[in-house]
Amino acid sequence: QVQLVESGGGLVQAGGSLRLACVASGSIFSLGRMGWHRQAPGKKREFVARIGSDGASSYTDSLKGRFTISRDNAKNTVYLQMNSLETEDTAVYYCNADITDRHFKNDNIWGQGTQVTVSS
């Protein structure tokens, strides 16, 4: 079984920065695309960014320039650097990954989420 565990969330003032991390662990054969989504109170979960195993990345347009996604394949970890945070960025941030386990089963899995709160 493979699981994703996020960390790095917390309370920050507007204009500040946070770096989220998501580590994949368990019976991993390979990791494909990894990414982040977020869900603000009362809103649907929305796409934030994703990155392939080759480092190719994509972002939701509104966050380009403030958020940067990266990954360390040796550590099975994806990061989200968030700068110039705004109160509208307050949400639970979820990690997501395409995985192949050691039984060669493909799956798409989610972490439990980490809360990011931006105060004014």
N, C-alpha and C. Protein backbone atom coordinates (compact mmCIF):
# COMPACT_ATOMS: atom_id res chain seq x y z
N GLN A 1 0.84 -1.20 0.00
CA GLN A 1 0.00 0.00 0.00
C GLN A 1 0.87 1.24 0.00
N VAL A 2 0.47 2.22 -0.78
CA VAL A 2 1.22 3.47 -0.88
C VAL A 2 0.41 4.58 -0.24
N GLN A 3 1.07 5.44 0.48
CA GLN A 3 0.38 6.58 1.06
C GLN A 3 1.17 7.86 0.84
N LEU A 4 0.44 8.96 0.88
CA LEU A 4 1.01 10.30 0.75
C LEU A 4 0.79 11.05 2.05
N VAL A 5 1.83 11.69 2.53
CA VAL A 5 1.72 12.46 3.76
C VAL A 5 2.23 13.87 3.50
N GLU A 6 1.34 14.84 3.71
CA GLU A 6 1.70 16.25 3.50
C GLU A 6 2.19 16.86 4.81
N SER A 7 2.99 17.89 4.67
CA SER A 7 3.45 18.66 5.82
C SER A 7 3.77 20.08 5.36
N GLY A 8 3.96 20.97 6.33
CA GLY A 8 4.38 22.32 6.01
C GLY A 8 3.30 23.37 6.07
N GLY A 9 2.06 22.96 6.27
CA GLY A 9 1.00 23.94 6.38
C GLY A 9 1.07 24.69 7.70
N GLY A 10 0.25 25.71 7.82
CA GLY A 10 0.22 26.49 9.05
C GLY A 10 -0.42 27.83 8.84
N LEU A 11 -0.18 28.70 9.81
CA LEU A 11 -0.73 30.06 9.79
C LEU A 11 0.37 31.04 9.39
N VAL A 12 0.07 31.88 8.42
CA VAL A 12 1.05 32.85 7.95
C VAL A 12 0.33 34.16 7.62
N GLN A 13 1.03 35.25 7.75
CA GLN A 13 0.43 36.55 7.40
C GLN A 13 0.46 36.75 5.89
N ALA A 14 -0.46 37.54 5.43
CA ALA A 14 -0.50 37.88 4.01
C ALA A 14 0.85 38.47 3.60
N GLY A 15 1.32 38.03 2.44
CA GLY A 15 2.62 38.45 1.96
C GLY A 15 3.73 37.49 2.31
N GLY A 16 3.44 36.57 3.21
CA GLY A 16 4.44 35.61 3.65
C GLY A 16 4.56 34.42 2.72
N SER A 17 5.37 33.45 3.15
CA SER A 17 5.65 32.27 2.34
C SER A 17 5.51 31.00 3.17
N LEU A 18 5.19 29.94 2.48
CA LEU A 18 5.19 28.61 3.08
C LEU A 18 5.70 27.62 2.03
N ARG A 19 6.28 26.55 2.52
CA ARG A 19 6.70 25.47 1.63
C ARG A 19 6.06 24.18 2.10
N LEU A 20 5.22 23.62 1.26
CA LEU A 20 4.58 22.35 1.55
C LEU A 20 5.43 21.21 1.00
N ALA A 21 5.36 20.09 1.68
CA ALA A 21 6.03 18.88 1.21
C ALA A 21 5.06 17.72 1.26
N CYS A 22 5.24 16.79 0.37
CA CYS A 22 4.41 15.58 0.33
C CYS A 22 5.33 14.40 0.03
N VAL A 23 5.35 13.47 0.96
CA VAL A 23 6.21 12.30 0.82
C VAL A 23 5.36 11.07 0.52
N ALA A 24 5.77 10.34 -0.49
CA ALA A 24 5.12 9.07 -0.81
C ALA A 24 5.92 7.94 -0.18
N SER A 25 5.20 7.02 0.44
CA SER A 25 5.88 5.90 1.08
C SER A 25 5.06 4.63 0.91
N GLY A 26 5.72 3.50 1.13
CA GLY A 26 5.03 2.23 1.02
C GLY A 26 5.58 1.40 -0.11
N SER A 27 4.72 0.58 -0.67
CA SER A 27 5.12 -0.39 -1.69
C SER A 27 5.14 0.26 -3.07
N ILE A 28 6.14 1.12 -3.28
CA ILE A 28 6.22 1.91 -4.51
C ILE A 28 7.14 1.27 -5.52
N PHE A 29 6.65 1.09 -6.73
CA PHE A 29 7.52 0.71 -7.83
C PHE A 29 7.97 1.97 -8.58
N SER A 30 7.01 2.84 -8.87
CA SER A 30 7.36 4.09 -9.53
C SER A 30 6.29 5.15 -9.25
N LEU A 31 6.71 6.40 -9.35
CA LEU A 31 5.80 7.53 -9.19
C LEU A 31 5.72 8.27 -10.51
N GLY A 32 4.52 8.57 -10.92
CA GLY A 32 4.33 9.35 -12.14
C GLY A 32 4.13 10.81 -11.77
N ARG A 33 3.10 11.40 -12.35
CA ARG A 33 2.81 12.79 -12.03
C ARG A 33 2.44 12.95 -10.56
N MET A 34 2.93 14.03 -9.98
CA MET A 34 2.55 14.38 -8.62
C MET A 34 2.06 15.82 -8.64
N GLY A 35 1.16 16.13 -7.75
CA GLY A 35 0.64 17.49 -7.79
C GLY A 35 -0.09 17.90 -6.54
N TRP A 36 -0.61 19.11 -6.63
CA TRP A 36 -1.33 19.70 -5.52
C TRP A 36 -2.68 20.25 -5.98
N HIS A 37 -3.65 20.05 -5.14
CA HIS A 37 -4.96 20.67 -5.28
C HIS A 37 -5.24 21.38 -3.96
N ARG A 38 -6.26 22.21 -3.95
CA ARG A 38 -6.67 22.85 -2.71
C ARG A 38 -8.17 23.00 -2.65
N GLN A 39 -8.68 23.08 -1.44
CA GLN A 39 -10.11 23.26 -1.24
C GLN A 39 -10.32 24.29 -0.14
N ALA A 40 -10.89 25.41 -0.53
CA ALA A 40 -11.23 26.46 0.42
C ALA A 40 -12.59 26.19 1.03
N PRO A 41 -12.88 26.75 2.19
CA PRO A 41 -14.18 26.52 2.83
C PRO A 41 -15.33 26.89 1.91
N GLY A 42 -16.26 25.96 1.75
CA GLY A 42 -17.44 26.22 0.94
C GLY A 42 -17.22 26.18 -0.55
N LYS A 43 -16.02 25.78 -0.98
CA LYS A 43 -15.71 25.74 -2.41
C LYS A 43 -15.30 24.34 -2.85
N LYS A 44 -15.32 24.13 -4.15
CA LYS A 44 -14.89 22.86 -4.69
C LYS A 44 -13.37 22.76 -4.66
N ARG A 45 -12.89 21.52 -4.65
CA ARG A 45 -11.45 21.30 -4.73
C ARG A 45 -10.97 21.76 -6.11
N GLU A 46 -9.85 22.49 -6.13
CA GLU A 46 -9.35 23.01 -7.40
C GLU A 46 -7.89 22.63 -7.60
N PHE A 47 -7.52 22.53 -8.86
CA PHE A 47 -6.16 22.20 -9.25
C PHE A 47 -5.24 23.37 -8.96
N VAL A 48 -4.04 23.05 -8.44
CA VAL A 48 -3.03 24.08 -8.18
C VAL A 48 -1.86 23.91 -9.13
N ALA A 49 -1.21 22.75 -9.08
CA ALA A 49 -0.02 22.52 -9.91
C ALA A 49 0.25 21.03 -9.97
N ARG A 50 0.98 20.62 -11.02
CA ARG A 50 1.42 19.24 -11.11
C ARG A 50 2.80 19.21 -11.76
N ILE A 51 3.49 18.10 -11.53
CA ILE A 51 4.84 17.95 -12.10
C ILE A 51 5.06 16.50 -12.46
N GLY A 52 5.61 16.28 -13.64
CA GLY A 52 5.90 14.93 -14.09
C GLY A 52 7.22 14.43 -13.53
N SER A 53 7.46 13.15 -13.73
CA SER A 53 8.71 12.56 -13.26
C SER A 53 9.92 13.16 -13.99
N ASP A 54 9.66 13.76 -15.15
CA ASP A 54 10.73 14.41 -15.92
C ASP A 54 10.92 15.87 -15.53
N GLY A 55 10.10 16.36 -14.59
CA GLY A 55 10.22 17.74 -14.14
C GLY A 55 9.33 18.73 -14.86
N ALA A 56 8.63 18.27 -15.88
CA ALA A 56 7.72 19.18 -16.59
C ALA A 56 6.55 19.54 -15.68
N SER A 57 6.25 20.82 -15.60
CA SER A 57 5.25 21.28 -14.64
C SER A 57 4.17 22.11 -15.31
N SER A 58 3.04 22.18 -14.65
CA SER A 58 1.95 23.04 -15.10
C SER A 58 1.25 23.60 -13.88
N TYR A 59 0.62 24.75 -14.07
CA TYR A 59 -0.01 25.48 -12.97
C TYR A 59 -1.37 26.00 -13.42
N THR A 60 -2.23 26.22 -12.42
CA THR A 60 -3.43 26.97 -12.73
C THR A 60 -2.98 28.41 -12.99
N ASP A 61 -3.56 29.04 -13.97
CA ASP A 61 -3.06 30.33 -14.45
C ASP A 61 -2.96 31.39 -13.35
N SER A 62 -3.93 31.42 -12.48
CA SER A 62 -3.99 32.48 -11.48
C SER A 62 -2.87 32.42 -10.45
N LEU A 63 -2.18 31.27 -10.38
CA LEU A 63 -1.14 31.10 -9.36
C LEU A 63 0.26 31.15 -9.94
N LYS A 64 0.37 31.21 -11.25
CA LYS A 64 1.69 31.30 -11.87
C LYS A 64 2.43 32.51 -11.35
N GLY A 65 3.70 32.31 -11.05
CA GLY A 65 4.53 33.41 -10.57
C GLY A 65 4.60 33.51 -9.06
N ARG A 66 3.60 32.98 -8.37
CA ARG A 66 3.63 32.99 -6.90
C ARG A 66 3.95 31.61 -6.33
N PHE A 67 3.47 30.58 -7.00
CA PHE A 67 3.66 29.20 -6.53
C PHE A 67 4.64 28.48 -7.45
N THR A 68 5.48 27.64 -6.86
CA THR A 68 6.42 26.83 -7.63
C THR A 68 6.40 25.40 -7.13
N ILE A 69 6.20 24.49 -8.05
CA ILE A 69 6.20 23.07 -7.70
C ILE A 69 7.55 22.46 -8.10
N SER A 70 8.03 21.55 -7.28
CA SER A 70 9.27 20.84 -7.58
C SER A 70 9.19 19.44 -6.97
N ARG A 71 10.13 18.60 -7.33
CA ARG A 71 10.12 17.26 -6.76
C ARG A 71 11.53 16.73 -6.63
N ASP A 72 11.68 15.82 -5.69
CA ASP A 72 12.94 15.12 -5.49
C ASP A 72 12.63 13.64 -5.67
N ASN A 73 12.95 13.10 -6.82
CA ASN A 73 12.60 11.72 -7.12
C ASN A 73 13.29 10.73 -6.18
N ALA A 74 14.48 11.06 -5.75
CA ALA A 74 15.21 10.15 -4.86
C ALA A 74 14.52 10.04 -3.50
N LYS A 75 13.78 11.09 -3.13
CA LYS A 75 13.09 11.10 -1.84
C LYS A 75 11.59 10.87 -1.98
N ASN A 76 11.14 10.61 -3.21
CA ASN A 76 9.69 10.41 -3.45
C ASN A 76 8.87 11.56 -2.88
N THR A 77 9.36 12.76 -3.08
CA THR A 77 8.76 13.93 -2.45
C THR A 77 8.47 15.01 -3.49
N VAL A 78 7.32 15.64 -3.33
CA VAL A 78 6.96 16.80 -4.13
C VAL A 78 6.78 17.99 -3.19
N TYR A 79 7.19 19.16 -3.66
CA TYR A 79 7.12 20.37 -2.86
C TYR A 79 6.25 21.41 -3.55
N LEU A 80 5.72 22.31 -2.75
CA LEU A 80 5.01 23.47 -3.29
C LEU A 80 5.49 24.69 -2.51
N GLN A 81 6.27 25.52 -3.17
CA GLN A 81 6.72 26.77 -2.59
C GLN A 81 5.68 27.84 -2.89
N MET A 82 5.16 28.44 -1.85
CA MET A 82 4.10 29.44 -2.01
C MET A 82 4.59 30.77 -1.48
N ASN A 83 4.67 31.76 -2.35
CA ASN A 83 5.15 33.09 -1.98
C ASN A 83 4.03 34.12 -2.13
N SER A 84 4.24 35.27 -1.53
CA SER A 84 3.28 36.38 -1.61
C SER A 84 1.87 35.88 -1.33
N LEU A 85 1.72 35.14 -0.26
CA LEU A 85 0.43 34.53 0.04
C LEU A 85 -0.63 35.57 0.30
N GLU A 86 -1.83 35.24 -0.13
CA GLU A 86 -2.99 36.11 0.02
C GLU A 86 -4.04 35.38 0.86
N THR A 87 -4.95 36.15 1.44
CA THR A 87 -5.98 35.52 2.27
C THR A 87 -6.80 34.53 1.45
N GLU A 88 -6.90 34.78 0.15
CA GLU A 88 -7.66 33.88 -0.72
C GLU A 88 -6.98 32.53 -0.91
N ASP A 89 -5.73 32.42 -0.49
CA ASP A 89 -5.02 31.14 -0.59
C ASP A 89 -5.33 30.22 0.58
N THR A 90 -6.09 30.71 1.54
CA THR A 90 -6.48 29.88 2.68
C THR A 90 -7.29 28.69 2.20
N ALA A 91 -6.82 27.49 2.54
CA ALA A 91 -7.46 26.26 2.05
C ALA A 91 -6.76 25.07 2.67
N VAL A 92 -7.36 23.92 2.50
CA VAL A 92 -6.66 22.66 2.75
C VAL A 92 -5.98 22.26 1.45
N TYR A 93 -4.71 21.99 1.52
CA TYR A 93 -3.92 21.64 0.34
C TYR A 93 -3.70 20.12 0.34
N TYR A 94 -4.05 19.51 -0.79
CA TYR A 94 -3.98 18.06 -0.92
C TYR A 94 -2.93 17.67 -1.96
N CYS A 95 -2.15 16.68 -1.62
CA CYS A 95 -1.19 16.09 -2.54
C CYS A 95 -1.87 14.95 -3.31
N ASN A 96 -1.45 14.77 -4.53
CA ASN A 96 -2.03 13.76 -5.40
C ASN A 96 -0.91 13.13 -6.23
N ALA A 97 -1.01 11.83 -6.48
CA ALA A 97 0.07 11.19 -7.25
C ALA A 97 -0.44 10.00 -8.04
N ASP A 98 0.14 9.82 -9.21
CA ASP A 98 -0.04 8.60 -10.00
C ASP A 98 1.06 7.64 -9.58
N ILE A 99 0.65 6.47 -9.11
CA ILE A 99 1.64 5.53 -8.61
C ILE A 99 1.50 4.17 -9.28
N THR A 100 2.61 3.47 -9.33
CA THR A 100 2.61 2.05 -9.67
C THR A 100 3.23 1.33 -8.50
N ASP A 101 2.48 0.40 -7.92
CA ASP A 101 3.04 -0.29 -6.75
C ASP A 101 3.86 -1.50 -7.19
N ARG A 102 4.38 -2.20 -6.20
CA ARG A 102 5.30 -3.30 -6.51
C ARG A 102 4.61 -4.53 -7.06
N HIS A 103 3.28 -4.48 -7.08
CA HIS A 103 2.52 -5.51 -7.79
C HIS A 103 2.14 -5.03 -9.18
N PHE A 104 2.72 -3.89 -9.57
CA PHE A 104 2.50 -3.28 -10.88
C PHE A 104 1.05 -2.86 -11.10
N LYS A 105 0.42 -2.51 -9.99
CA LYS A 105 -0.92 -1.95 -10.07
C LYS A 105 -0.80 -0.44 -10.12
N ASN A 106 -1.53 0.17 -11.07
CA ASN A 106 -1.56 1.62 -11.20
C ASN A 106 -2.72 2.20 -10.41
N ASP A 107 -2.47 3.33 -9.83
CA ASP A 107 -3.52 3.96 -9.05
C ASP A 107 -3.24 5.46 -8.98
N ASN A 108 -4.27 6.20 -8.59
CA ASN A 108 -4.14 7.63 -8.34
C ASN A 108 -4.56 7.85 -6.89
N ILE A 109 -3.67 8.37 -6.08
CA ILE A 109 -3.95 8.45 -4.66
C ILE A 109 -3.83 9.89 -4.15
N TRP A 110 -4.46 10.11 -3.00
CA TRP A 110 -4.51 11.43 -2.37
C TRP A 110 -3.97 11.36 -0.95
N GLY A 111 -3.38 12.47 -0.52
CA GLY A 111 -3.02 12.60 0.87
C GLY A 111 -4.20 13.10 1.68
N GLN A 112 -3.96 13.25 2.99
CA GLN A 112 -5.02 13.67 3.89
C GLN A 112 -5.21 15.18 3.90
N GLY A 113 -4.24 15.90 3.40
CA GLY A 113 -4.35 17.36 3.34
C GLY A 113 -3.63 18.05 4.47
N THR A 114 -3.21 19.27 4.19
CA THR A 114 -2.59 20.12 5.20
C THR A 114 -3.21 21.51 5.12
N GLN A 115 -3.55 22.05 6.27
CA GLN A 115 -4.26 23.34 6.32
C GLN A 115 -3.28 24.50 6.15
N VAL A 116 -3.62 25.40 5.27
CA VAL A 116 -2.90 26.66 5.11
C VAL A 116 -3.87 27.80 5.41
N THR A 117 -3.52 28.62 6.36
CA THR A 117 -4.36 29.76 6.73
C THR A 117 -3.54 31.03 6.59
N VAL A 118 -4.04 31.95 5.79
CA VAL A 118 -3.36 33.23 5.56
C VAL A 118 -4.18 34.33 6.21
N SER A 119 -3.57 35.02 7.15
CA SER A 119 -4.28 36.09 7.87
C SER A 119 -3.96 37.45 7.26
N SER A 120 -4.89 38.37 7.41
CA SER A 120 -4.69 39.71 6.83
C SER A 120 -3.97 40.63 7.79
